[in-house]
């Protein structure tokens, strides 16, 4: 627990070690589209799992450079970035199907 009071006392807000594990439900990588996050970052993730930090770093740099290159190309050709799940709201990106919206829709 971290000290959260001026007196230096600490309190446990939530003990994640006592929470049950919940297995993620995700599609297989081969069923994901080209720009889905897990598919994009799979080489980084796999190398981290086998503790090959140098290979993970190389994969990360490669992915980021590819993304920078694609952004430069879009800028040069005046091609807007097309999104499927988010929309721009001023300087922020907002998810189109937030949890509260999905919960409300499931109740009808």
PDB file of N, CA and C in Angstrom:
ATOM      1  N   UNK A   1       0.841  -1.185   0.000  1.00  0.00           N
ATOM      2  CA  UNK A   1       0.000   0.000   0.000  1.00  0.00           C
ATOM      3  C   UNK A   1       0.882   1.242   0.000  1.00  0.00           C
ATOM      4  N   UNK A   2       0.420   2.266  -0.647  1.00  0.00           N
ATOM      5  CA  UNK A   2       1.163   3.516  -0.720  1.00  0.00           C
ATOM      6  C   UNK A   2       0.654   4.500   0.325  1.00  0.00           C
ATOM      7  N   UNK A   3       1.541   5.347   0.878  1.00  0.00           N
ATOM      8  CA  UNK A   3       1.045   6.376   1.796  1.00  0.00           C
ATOM      9  C   UNK A   3       0.104   7.317   1.041  1.00  0.00           C
ATOM     10  N   UNK A   4      -1.086   7.516   1.574  1.00  0.00           N
ATOM     11  CA  UNK A   4      -2.028   8.394   0.884  1.00  0.00           C
ATOM     12  C   UNK A   4      -2.522   9.524   1.770  1.00  0.00           C
ATOM     13  N   UNK A   5      -2.118   9.518   3.013  1.00  0.00           N
ATOM     14  CA  UNK A   5      -2.553  10.562   3.939  1.00  0.00           C
ATOM     15  C   UNK A   5      -1.364  11.414   4.338  1.00  0.00           C
ATOM     16  N   UNK A   6      -1.637  12.652   4.688  1.00  0.00           N
ATOM     17  CA  UNK A   6      -0.576  13.569   5.114  1.00  0.00           C
ATOM     18  C   UNK A   6       0.163  13.032   6.335  1.00  0.00           C
ATOM     19  N   UNK A   7      -0.506  12.218   7.120  1.00  0.00           N
ATOM     20  CA  UNK A   7       0.110  11.656   8.325  1.00  0.00           C
ATOM     21  C   UNK A   7       1.110  10.557   7.994  1.00  0.00           C
ATOM     22  N   UNK A   8       1.129  10.118   6.739  1.00  0.00           N
ATOM     23  CA  UNK A   8       2.007   9.029   6.344  1.00  0.00           C
ATOM     24  C   UNK A   8       1.338   7.671   6.446  1.00  0.00           C
ATOM     25  N   UNK A   9       0.113   7.642   6.967  1.00  0.00           N
ATOM     26  CA  UNK A   9      -0.625   6.378   7.035  1.00  0.00           C
ATOM     27  C   UNK A   9      -0.924   5.893   5.618  1.00  0.00           C
ATOM     28  N   UNK A  10      -1.066   4.597   5.506  1.00  0.00           N
ATOM     29  CA  UNK A  10      -1.411   4.065   4.190  1.00  0.00           C
ATOM     30  C   UNK A  10      -2.671   3.224   4.305  1.00  0.00           C
ATOM     31  N   UNK A  11      -3.286   3.038   3.165  1.00  0.00           N
ATOM     32  CA  UNK A  11      -4.522   2.279   3.119  1.00  0.00           C
ATOM     33  C   UNK A  11      -4.541   1.510   1.804  1.00  0.00           C
ATOM     34  N   UNK A  12      -5.075   0.323   1.834  1.00  0.00           N
ATOM     35  CA  UNK A  12      -5.171  -0.472   0.613  1.00  0.00           C
ATOM     36  C   UNK A  12      -6.478  -0.120  -0.079  1.00  0.00           C
ATOM     37  N   UNK A  13      -6.371   0.400  -1.271  1.00  0.00           N
ATOM     38  CA  UNK A  13      -7.559   0.746  -2.050  1.00  0.00           C
ATOM     39  C   UNK A  13      -8.169  -0.509  -2.657  1.00  0.00           C
ATOM     40  N   UNK A  14      -7.319  -1.304  -3.302  1.00  0.00           N
ATOM     41  CA  UNK A  14      -7.762  -2.569  -3.879  1.00  0.00           C
ATOM     42  C   UNK A  14      -6.571  -3.517  -3.895  1.00  0.00           C
ATOM     43  N   UNK A  15      -6.780  -4.733  -3.481  1.00  0.00           N
ATOM     44  CA  UNK A  15      -5.710  -5.726  -3.460  1.00  0.00           C
ATOM     45  C   UNK A  15      -5.886  -6.640  -4.668  1.00  0.00           C
ATOM     46  N   UNK A  16      -5.172  -6.343  -5.710  1.00  0.00           N
ATOM     47  CA  UNK A  16      -5.316  -7.108  -6.955  1.00  0.00           C
ATOM     48  C   UNK A  16      -4.871  -8.554  -6.801  1.00  0.00           C
ATOM     49  N   UNK A  17      -4.042  -8.842  -5.811  1.00  0.00           N
ATOM     50  CA  UNK A  17      -3.594 -10.222  -5.605  1.00  0.00           C
ATOM     51  C   UNK A  17      -4.711 -11.122  -5.114  1.00  0.00           C
ATOM     52  N   UNK A  18      -5.753 -10.513  -4.558  1.00  0.00           N
ATOM     53  CA  UNK A  18      -6.891 -11.289  -4.057  1.00  0.00           C
ATOM     54  C   UNK A  18      -8.017 -11.394  -5.082  1.00  0.00           C
ATOM     55  N   UNK A  19      -7.843 -10.725  -6.211  1.00  0.00           N
ATOM     56  CA  UNK A  19      -8.886 -10.747  -7.241  1.00  0.00           C
ATOM     57  C   UNK A  19      -8.703 -11.971  -8.140  1.00  0.00           C
ATOM     58  N   UNK A  20      -9.798 -12.550  -8.594  1.00  0.00           N
ATOM     59  CA  UNK A  20      -9.672 -13.704  -9.487  1.00  0.00           C
ATOM     60  C   UNK A  20      -9.135 -13.283 -10.856  1.00  0.00           C
ATOM     61  N   UNK A  21      -8.411 -14.193 -11.493  1.00  0.00           N
ATOM     62  CA  UNK A  21      -7.923 -13.948 -12.845  1.00  0.00           C
ATOM     63  C   UNK A  21      -9.083 -14.141 -13.810  1.00  0.00           C
ATOM     64  N   UNK A  22      -9.172 -13.286 -14.796  1.00  0.00           N
ATOM     65  CA  UNK A  22     -10.203 -13.404 -15.817  1.00  0.00           C
ATOM     66  C   UNK A  22      -9.488 -13.544 -17.155  1.00  0.00           C
ATOM     67  N   UNK A  23      -9.712 -14.658 -17.813  1.00  0.00           N
ATOM     68  CA  UNK A  23      -9.061 -14.900 -19.096  1.00  0.00           C
ATOM     69  C   UNK A  23      -9.663 -13.982 -20.165  1.00  0.00           C
ATOM     70  N   UNK A  24      -8.801 -13.347 -20.928  1.00  0.00           N
ATOM     71  CA  UNK A  24      -9.257 -12.463 -22.000  1.00  0.00           C
ATOM     72  C   UNK A  24      -9.917 -13.282 -23.099  1.00  0.00           C
ATOM     73  N   UNK A  25     -10.916 -12.699 -23.699  1.00  0.00           N
ATOM     74  CA  UNK A  25     -11.562 -13.327 -24.844  1.00  0.00           C
ATOM     75  C   UNK A  25     -11.191 -12.512 -26.071  1.00  0.00           C
ATOM     76  N   UNK A  26     -10.266 -13.042 -26.849  1.00  0.00           N
ATOM     77  CA  UNK A  26      -9.814 -12.343 -28.048  1.00  0.00           C
ATOM     78  C   UNK A  26      -9.786 -13.318 -29.218  1.00  0.00           C
ATOM     79  N   UNK A  27      -9.928 -12.750 -30.401  1.00  0.00           N
ATOM     80  CA  UNK A  27      -9.849 -13.583 -31.596  1.00  0.00           C
ATOM     81  C   UNK A  27      -8.409 -14.035 -31.831  1.00  0.00           C
ATOM     82  N   UNK A  28      -8.251 -15.166 -32.476  1.00  0.00           N
ATOM     83  CA  UNK A  28      -6.918 -15.641 -32.836  1.00  0.00           C
ATOM     84  C   UNK A  28      -6.241 -14.589 -33.711  1.00  0.00           C
ATOM     85  N   UNK A  29      -4.919 -14.511 -33.617  1.00  0.00           N
ATOM     86  CA  UNK A  29      -4.177 -13.524 -34.406  1.00  0.00           C
ATOM     87  C   UNK A  29      -4.483 -13.620 -35.891  1.00  0.00           C
ATOM     88  N   UNK A  30      -4.571 -14.837 -36.396  1.00  0.00           N
ATOM     89  CA  UNK A  30      -4.817 -14.993 -37.835  1.00  0.00           C
ATOM     90  C   UNK A  30      -6.218 -14.530 -38.244  1.00  0.00           C
ATOM     91  N   UNK A  31      -7.123 -14.379 -37.275  1.00  0.00           N
ATOM     92  CA  UNK A  31      -8.476 -13.895 -37.561  1.00  0.00           C
ATOM     93  C   UNK A  31      -8.604 -12.388 -37.371  1.00  0.00           C
ATOM     94  N   UNK A  32      -7.537 -11.759 -36.874  1.00  0.00           N
ATOM     95  CA  UNK A  32      -7.578 -10.311 -36.657  1.00  0.00           C
ATOM     96  C   UNK A  32      -7.200  -9.572 -37.937  1.00  0.00           C
ATOM     97  N   UNK A  33      -7.689  -8.349 -38.034  1.00  0.00           N
ATOM     98  CA  UNK A  33      -7.361  -7.534 -39.199  1.00  0.00           C
ATOM     99  C   UNK A  33      -5.951  -6.976 -39.067  1.00  0.00           C
ATOM    100  N   UNK A  34      -5.440  -6.485 -40.169  1.00  0.00           N
ATOM    101  CA  UNK A  34      -4.042  -6.051 -40.259  1.00  0.00           C
ATOM    102  C   UNK A  34      -3.626  -5.052 -39.184  1.00  0.00           C
ATOM    103  N   UNK A  35      -4.490  -4.108 -38.855  1.00  0.00           N
ATOM    104  CA  UNK A  35      -4.093  -3.045 -37.930  1.00  0.00           C
ATOM    105  C   UNK A  35      -4.630  -3.226 -36.515  1.00  0.00           C
ATOM    106  N   UNK A  36      -5.066  -4.425 -36.153  1.00  0.00           N
ATOM    107  CA  UNK A  36      -5.502  -4.655 -34.780  1.00  0.00           C
ATOM    108  C   UNK A  36      -4.272  -4.726 -33.874  1.00  0.00           C
ATOM    109  N   UNK A  37      -4.401  -4.166 -32.704  1.00  0.00           N
ATOM    110  CA  UNK A  37      -3.277  -3.978 -31.795  1.00  0.00           C
ATOM    111  C   UNK A  37      -2.497  -5.253 -31.491  1.00  0.00           C
ATOM    112  N   UNK A  38      -3.193  -6.319 -31.121  1.00  0.00           N
ATOM    113  CA  UNK A  38      -2.482  -7.554 -30.760  1.00  0.00           C
ATOM    114  C   UNK A  38      -1.686  -8.092 -31.944  1.00  0.00           C
ATOM    115  N   UNK A  39      -2.232  -7.949 -33.128  1.00  0.00           N
ATOM    116  CA  UNK A  39      -1.531  -8.427 -34.325  1.00  0.00           C
ATOM    117  C   UNK A  39      -0.313  -7.544 -34.612  1.00  0.00           C
ATOM    118  N   UNK A  40      -0.489  -6.246 -34.494  1.00  0.00           N
ATOM    119  CA  UNK A  40       0.621  -5.328 -34.743  1.00  0.00           C
ATOM    120  C   UNK A  40       1.785  -5.557 -33.778  1.00  0.00           C
ATOM    121  N   UNK A  41       1.464  -5.797 -32.506  1.00  0.00           N
ATOM    122  CA  UNK A  41       2.480  -5.861 -31.467  1.00  0.00           C
ATOM    123  C   UNK A  41       2.914  -7.290 -31.146  1.00  0.00           C
ATOM    124  N   UNK A  42       2.496  -8.281 -31.935  1.00  0.00           N
ATOM    125  CA  UNK A  42       2.766  -9.690 -31.601  1.00  0.00           C
ATOM    126  C   UNK A  42       4.257  -9.996 -31.480  1.00  0.00           C
ATOM    127  N   UNK A  43       5.099  -9.437 -32.345  1.00  0.00           N
ATOM    128  CA  UNK A  43       6.537  -9.720 -32.270  1.00  0.00           C
ATOM    129  C   UNK A  43       7.145  -9.143 -30.988  1.00  0.00           C
ATOM    130  N   UNK A  44       6.690  -7.954 -30.606  1.00  0.00           N
ATOM    131  CA  UNK A  44       7.163  -7.352 -29.360  1.00  0.00           C
ATOM    132  C   UNK A  44       6.739  -8.241 -28.190  1.00  0.00           C
ATOM    133  N   UNK A  45       5.469  -8.603 -28.162  1.00  0.00           N
ATOM    134  CA  UNK A  45       4.925  -9.420 -27.073  1.00  0.00           C
ATOM    135  C   UNK A  45       5.627 -10.762 -26.970  1.00  0.00           C
ATOM    136  N   UNK A  46       5.781 -11.442 -28.099  1.00  0.00           N
ATOM    137  CA  UNK A  46       6.429 -12.764 -28.084  1.00  0.00           C
ATOM    138  C   UNK A  46       7.858 -12.679 -27.572  1.00  0.00           C
ATOM    139  N   UNK A  47       8.592 -11.671 -27.994  1.00  0.00           N
ATOM    140  CA  UNK A  47       9.975 -11.529 -27.530  1.00  0.00           C
ATOM    141  C   UNK A  47      10.050 -11.167 -26.052  1.00  0.00           C
ATOM    142  N   UNK A  48       9.106 -10.400 -25.568  1.00  0.00           N
ATOM    143  CA  UNK A  48       9.074 -10.105 -24.132  1.00  0.00           C
ATOM    144  C   UNK A  48       8.774 -11.373 -23.335  1.00  0.00           C
ATOM    145  N   UNK A  49       7.887 -12.208 -23.855  1.00  0.00           N
ATOM    146  CA  UNK A  49       7.541 -13.453 -23.160  1.00  0.00           C
ATOM    147  C   UNK A  49       8.748 -14.378 -23.011  1.00  0.00           C
ATOM    148  N   UNK A  50       9.629 -14.374 -24.001  1.00  0.00           N
ATOM    149  CA  UNK A  50      10.817 -15.233 -23.910  1.00  0.00           C
ATOM    150  C   UNK A  50      12.020 -14.464 -23.350  1.00  0.00           C
ATOM    151  N   UNK A  51      11.742 -13.267 -22.844  1.00  0.00           N
ATOM    152  CA  UNK A  51      12.736 -12.420 -22.191  1.00  0.00           C
ATOM    153  C   UNK A  51      13.890 -11.992 -23.104  1.00  0.00           C
ATOM    154  N   UNK A  52      13.591 -11.841 -24.394  1.00  0.00           N
ATOM    155  CA  UNK A  52      14.599 -11.340 -25.340  1.00  0.00           C
ATOM    156  C   UNK A  52      14.325  -9.850 -25.553  1.00  0.00           C
ATOM    157  N   UNK A  53      14.841  -9.045 -24.635  1.00  0.00           N
ATOM    158  CA  UNK A  53      14.571  -7.611 -24.628  1.00  0.00           C
ATOM    159  C   UNK A  53      15.114  -6.932 -25.879  1.00  0.00           C
ATOM    160  N   UNK A  54      16.284  -7.360 -26.359  1.00  0.00           N
ATOM    161  CA  UNK A  54      16.859  -6.743 -27.558  1.00  0.00           C
ATOM    162  C   UNK A  54      15.962  -6.979 -28.767  1.00  0.00           C
ATOM    163  N   UNK A  55      15.473  -8.211 -28.933  1.00  0.00           N
ATOM    164  CA  UNK A  55      14.587  -8.513 -30.064  1.00  0.00           C
ATOM    165  C   UNK A  55      13.256  -7.772 -29.917  1.00  0.00           C
ATOM    166  N   UNK A  56      12.745  -7.655 -28.694  1.00  0.00           N
ATOM    167  CA  UNK A  56      11.500  -6.919 -28.456  1.00  0.00           C
ATOM    168  C   UNK A  56      11.686  -5.443 -28.807  1.00  0.00           C
ATOM    169  N   UNK A  57      12.835  -4.894 -28.416  1.00  0.00           N
ATOM    170  CA  UNK A  57      13.133  -3.493 -28.726  1.00  0.00           C
ATOM    171  C   UNK A  57      13.239  -3.286 -30.226  1.00  0.00           C
ATOM    172  N   UNK A  58      13.923  -4.196 -30.923  1.00  0.00           N
ATOM    173  CA  UNK A  58      14.041  -4.105 -32.377  1.00  0.00           C
ATOM    174  C   UNK A  58      12.670  -4.177 -33.043  1.00  0.00           C
ATOM    175  N   UNK A  59      11.820  -5.085 -32.569  1.00  0.00           N
ATOM    176  CA  UNK A  59      10.473  -5.234 -33.138  1.00  0.00           C
ATOM    177  C   UNK A  59       9.653  -3.965 -32.897  1.00  0.00           C
ATOM    178  N   UNK A  60       9.790  -3.395 -31.710  1.00  0.00           N
ATOM    179  CA  UNK A  60       9.073  -2.157 -31.378  1.00  0.00           C
ATOM    180  C   UNK A  60       9.525  -1.021 -32.283  1.00  0.00           C
ATOM    181  N   UNK A  61      10.827  -0.871 -32.430  1.00  0.00           N
ATOM    182  CA  UNK A  61      11.357   0.194 -33.294  1.00  0.00           C
ATOM    183  C   UNK A  61      10.905  -0.002 -34.745  1.00  0.00           C
ATOM    184  N   UNK A  62      10.918  -1.231 -35.200  1.00  0.00           N
ATOM    185  CA  UNK A  62      10.490  -1.535 -36.563  1.00  0.00           C
ATOM    186  C   UNK A  62       9.027  -1.161 -36.776  1.00  0.00           C
ATOM    187  N   UNK A  63       8.182  -1.556 -35.838  1.00  0.00           N
ATOM    188  CA  UNK A  63       6.758  -1.230 -35.928  1.00  0.00           C
ATOM    189  C   UNK A  63       6.548   0.278 -35.905  1.00  0.00           C
ATOM    190  N   UNK A  64       7.203   0.959 -34.978  1.00  0.00           N
ATOM    191  CA  UNK A  64       7.034   2.407 -34.874  1.00  0.00           C
ATOM    192  C   UNK A  64       7.533   3.128 -36.127  1.00  0.00           C
ATOM    193  N   UNK A  65       8.636   2.666 -36.690  1.00  0.00           N
ATOM    194  CA  UNK A  65       9.152   3.291 -37.909  1.00  0.00           C
ATOM    195  C   UNK A  65       8.192   3.071 -39.079  1.00  0.00           C
ATOM    196  N   UNK A  66       7.614   1.881 -39.150  1.00  0.00           N
ATOM    197  CA  UNK A  66       6.615   1.601 -40.194  1.00  0.00           C
ATOM    198  C   UNK A  66       5.421   2.550 -40.054  1.00  0.00           C
ATOM    199  N   UNK A  67       4.969   2.753 -38.809  1.00  0.00           N
ATOM    200  CA  UNK A  67       3.850   3.653 -38.573  1.00  0.00           C
ATOM    201  C   UNK A  67       4.205   5.097 -38.937  1.00  0.00           C
ATOM    202  N   UNK A  68       5.428   5.521 -38.621  1.00  0.00           N
ATOM    203  CA  UNK A  68       5.866   6.875 -38.995  1.00  0.00           C
ATOM    204  C   UNK A  68       5.909   7.026 -40.510  1.00  0.00           C
ATOM    205  N   UNK A  69       6.421   6.007 -41.180  1.00  0.00           N
ATOM    206  CA  UNK A  69       6.507   6.030 -42.641  1.00  0.00           C
ATOM    207  C   UNK A  69       5.117   6.113 -43.281  1.00  0.00           C
ATOM    208  N   UNK A  70       4.189   5.317 -42.754  1.00  0.00           N
ATOM    209  CA  UNK A  70       2.816   5.347 -43.274  1.00  0.00           C
ATOM    210  C   UNK A  70       2.180   6.713 -43.028  1.00  0.00           C
ATOM    211  N   UNK A  71       2.464   7.326 -41.877  1.00  0.00           N
ATOM    212  CA  UNK A  71       1.920   8.656 -41.573  1.00  0.00           C
ATOM    213  C   UNK A  71       2.493   9.704 -42.525  1.00  0.00           C
ATOM    214  N   UNK A  72       3.804   9.620 -42.815  1.00  0.00           N
ATOM    215  CA  UNK A  72       4.429  10.553 -43.765  1.00  0.00           C
ATOM    216  C   UNK A  72       3.786  10.413 -45.142  1.00  0.00           C
ATOM    217  N   UNK A  73       3.579   9.155 -45.556  1.00  0.00           N
ATOM    218  CA  UNK A  73       2.979   8.904 -46.872  1.00  0.00           C
ATOM    219  C   UNK A  73       1.560   9.470 -46.937  1.00  0.00           C
ATOM    220  N   UNK A  74       0.775   9.288 -45.877  1.00  0.00           N
ATOM    221  CA  UNK A  74      -0.583   9.846 -45.856  1.00  0.00           C
ATOM    222  C   UNK A  74      -0.535  11.371 -45.931  1.00  0.00           C
ATOM    223  N   UNK A  75       0.425  11.971 -45.226  1.00  0.00           N
ATOM    224  CA  UNK A  75       0.539  13.424 -45.228  1.00  0.00           C
ATOM    225  C   UNK A  75       0.923  13.933 -46.616  1.00  0.00           C
ATOM    226  N   UNK A  76       1.888  13.252 -47.251  1.00  0.00           N
ATOM    227  CA  UNK A  76       2.350  13.654 -48.581  1.00  0.00           C
ATOM    228  C   UNK A  76       1.250  13.526 -49.635  1.00  0.00           C
ATOM    229  N   UNK A  77       0.396  12.537 -49.486  1.00  0.00           N
ATOM    230  CA  UNK A  77      -0.676  12.307 -50.465  1.00  0.00           C
ATOM    231  C   UNK A  77      -2.000  12.917 -50.015  1.00  0.00           C
ATOM    232  N   UNK A  78      -1.962  13.643 -48.890  1.00  0.00           N
ATOM    233  CA  UNK A  78      -3.154  14.274 -48.323  1.00  0.00           C
ATOM    234  C   UNK A  78      -4.290  13.269 -48.137  1.00  0.00           C
ATOM    235  N   UNK A  79      -3.910  12.089 -47.641  1.00  0.00           N
ATOM    236  CA  UNK A  79      -4.866  11.011 -47.384  1.00  0.00           C
ATOM    237  C   UNK A  79      -5.207  10.996 -45.901  1.00  0.00           C
ATOM    238  N   UNK A  80      -6.487  11.188 -45.562  1.00  0.00           N
ATOM    239  CA  UNK A  80      -6.837  11.181 -44.138  1.00  0.00           C
ATOM    240  C   UNK A  80      -6.720   9.787 -43.540  1.00  0.00           C
ATOM    241  N   UNK A  81      -6.408   9.744 -42.240  1.00  0.00           N
ATOM    242  CA  UNK A  81      -6.355   8.481 -41.507  1.00  0.00           C
ATOM    243  C   UNK A  81      -7.788   8.042 -41.265  1.00  0.00           C
ATOM    244  N   UNK A  82      -8.142   6.854 -41.724  1.00  0.00           N
ATOM    245  CA  UNK A  82      -9.495   6.356 -41.557  1.00  0.00           C
ATOM    246  C   UNK A  82      -9.561   5.429 -40.352  1.00  0.00           C
ATOM    247  N   UNK A  83     -10.481   5.719 -39.458  1.00  0.00           N
ATOM    248  CA  UNK A  83     -10.629   4.908 -38.260  1.00  0.00           C
ATOM    249  C   UNK A  83     -11.929   4.122 -38.330  1.00  0.00           C
ATOM    250  N   UNK A  84     -11.984   3.037 -37.581  1.00  0.00           N
ATOM    251  CA  UNK A  84     -13.201   2.235 -37.512  1.00  0.00           C
ATOM    252  C   UNK A  84     -13.862   2.319 -36.154  1.00  0.00           C
ATOM    253  N   UNK A  85     -13.077   2.518 -35.102  1.00  0.00           N
ATOM    254  CA  UNK A  85     -13.603   2.412 -33.746  1.00  0.00           C
ATOM    255  C   UNK A  85     -13.525   3.699 -32.936  1.00  0.00           C
ATOM    256  N   UNK A  86     -12.891   4.726 -33.474  1.00  0.00           N
ATOM    257  CA  UNK A  86     -12.721   5.981 -32.744  1.00  0.00           C
ATOM    258  C   UNK A  86     -13.083   7.154 -33.642  1.00  0.00           C
ATOM    259  N   UNK A  87     -13.432   8.269 -33.012  1.00  0.00           N
ATOM    260  CA  UNK A  87     -13.624   9.506 -33.759  1.00  0.00           C
ATOM    261  C   UNK A  87     -12.884  10.628 -33.022  1.00  0.00           C
ATOM    262  N   UNK A  88     -12.484  11.611 -33.794  1.00  0.00           N
ATOM    263  CA  UNK A  88     -11.729  12.719 -33.218  1.00  0.00           C
ATOM    264  C   UNK A  88     -12.699  13.738 -32.628  1.00  0.00           C
ATOM    265  N   UNK A  89     -12.376  14.199 -31.433  1.00  0.00           N
ATOM    266  CA  UNK A  89     -13.177  15.201 -30.743  1.00  0.00           C
ATOM    267  C   UNK A  89     -12.213  16.266 -30.260  1.00  0.00           C
ATOM    268  N   UNK A  90     -12.007  17.286 -31.082  1.00  0.00           N
ATOM    269  CA  UNK A  90     -10.992  18.298 -30.771  1.00  0.00           C
ATOM    270  C   UNK A  90      -9.620  17.666 -30.873  1.00  0.00           C
ATOM    271  N   UNK A  91      -8.861  17.684 -29.779  1.00  0.00           N
ATOM    272  CA  UNK A  91      -7.532  17.080 -29.768  1.00  0.00           C
ATOM    273  C   UNK A  91      -7.542  15.674 -29.194  1.00  0.00           C
ATOM    274  N   UNK A  92      -8.737  15.132 -28.921  1.00  0.00           N
ATOM    275  CA  UNK A  92      -8.863  13.818 -28.298  1.00  0.00           C
ATOM    276  C   UNK A  92      -9.478  12.814 -29.264  1.00  0.00           C
ATOM    277  N   UNK A  93      -9.198  11.550 -28.998  1.00  0.00           N
ATOM    278  CA  UNK A  93      -9.829  10.454 -29.727  1.00  0.00           C
ATOM    279  C   UNK A  93     -10.792   9.765 -28.772  1.00  0.00           C
ATOM    280  N   UNK A  94     -12.005   9.531 -29.235  1.00  0.00           N
ATOM    281  CA  UNK A  94     -13.055   8.964 -28.398  1.00  0.00           C
ATOM    282  C   UNK A  94     -13.519   7.647 -29.007  1.00  0.00           C
ATOM    283  N   UNK A  95     -13.618   6.622 -28.159  1.00  0.00           N
ATOM    284  CA  UNK A  95     -14.074   5.302 -28.595  1.00  0.00           C
ATOM    285  C   UNK A  95     -15.560   5.369 -28.930  1.00  0.00           C
ATOM    286  N   UNK A  96     -15.936   4.831 -30.085  1.00  0.00           N
ATOM    287  CA  UNK A  96     -17.315   4.914 -30.562  1.00  0.00           C
ATOM    288  C   UNK A  96     -18.304   4.054 -29.781  1.00  0.00           C
ATOM    289  N   UNK A  97     -17.847   2.985 -29.181  1.00  0.00           N
ATOM    290  CA  UNK A  97     -18.740   2.069 -28.469  1.00  0.00           C
ATOM    291  C   UNK A  97     -18.301   1.896 -27.017  1.00  0.00           C
ATOM    292  N   UNK A  98     -18.365   2.967 -26.212  1.00  0.00           N
ATOM    293  CA  UNK A  98     -17.922   2.838 -24.821  1.00  0.00           C
ATOM    294  C   UNK A  98     -18.779   1.845 -24.050  1.00  0.00           C
ATOM    295  N   UNK A  99     -18.224   1.333 -22.968  1.00  0.00           N
ATOM    296  CA  UNK A  99     -18.881   0.299 -22.177  1.00  0.00           C
ATOM    297  C   UNK A  99     -20.286   0.702 -21.743  1.00  0.00           C
ATOM    298  N   UNK A 100     -20.444   1.920 -21.256  1.00  0.00           N
ATOM    299  CA  UNK A 100     -21.766   2.350 -20.787  1.00  0.00           C
ATOM    300  C   UNK A 100     -22.799   2.322 -21.910  1.00  0.00           C
ATOM    301  N   UNK A 101     -22.383   2.676 -23.111  1.00  0.00           N
ATOM    302  CA  UNK A 101     -23.280   2.647 -24.273  1.00  0.00           C
ATOM    303  C   UNK A 101     -23.669   1.195 -24.604  1.00  0.00           C
ATOM    304  N   UNK A 102     -22.690   0.288 -24.522  1.00  0.00           N
ATOM    305  CA  UNK A 102     -22.967  -1.120 -24.813  1.00  0.00           C
ATOM    306  C   UNK A 102     -23.864  -1.746 -23.762  1.00  0.00           C
ATOM    307  N   UNK A 103     -23.656  -1.384 -22.501  1.00  0.00           N
ATOM    308  CA  UNK A 103     -24.490  -1.894 -21.416  1.00  0.00           C
ATOM    309  C   UNK A 103     -25.931  -1.423 -21.598  1.00  0.00           C
ATOM    310  N   UNK A 104     -26.090  -0.142 -21.898  1.00  0.00           N
ATOM    311  CA  UNK A 104     -27.430   0.419 -22.096  1.00  0.00           C
ATOM    312  C   UNK A 104     -28.131  -0.271 -23.261  1.00  0.00           C
ATOM    313  N   UNK A 105     -27.398  -0.525 -24.344  1.00  0.00           N
ATOM    314  CA  UNK A 105     -27.986  -1.166 -25.520  1.00  0.00           C
ATOM    315  C   UNK A 105     -28.387  -2.602 -25.232  1.00  0.00           C
ATOM    316  N   UNK A 106     -27.651  -3.284 -24.365  1.00  0.00           N
ATOM    317  CA  UNK A 106     -27.957  -4.691 -24.066  1.00  0.00           C
ATOM    318  C   UNK A 106     -29.192  -4.830 -23.185  1.00  0.00           C
ATOM    319  N   UNK A 107     -29.580  -3.753 -22.530  1.00  0.00           N
ATOM    320  CA  UNK A 107     -30.760  -3.790 -21.652  1.00  0.00           C
ATOM    321  C   UNK A 107     -32.060  -3.613 -22.428  1.00  0.00           C
ATOM    322  N   UNK A 108     -31.956  -3.277 -23.705  1.00  0.00           N
ATOM    323  CA  UNK A 108     -33.175  -3.048 -24.502  1.00  0.00           C
ATOM    324  C   UNK A 108     -33.492  -4.217 -25.380  1.00  0.00           C
TER     325      UNK A 108
END
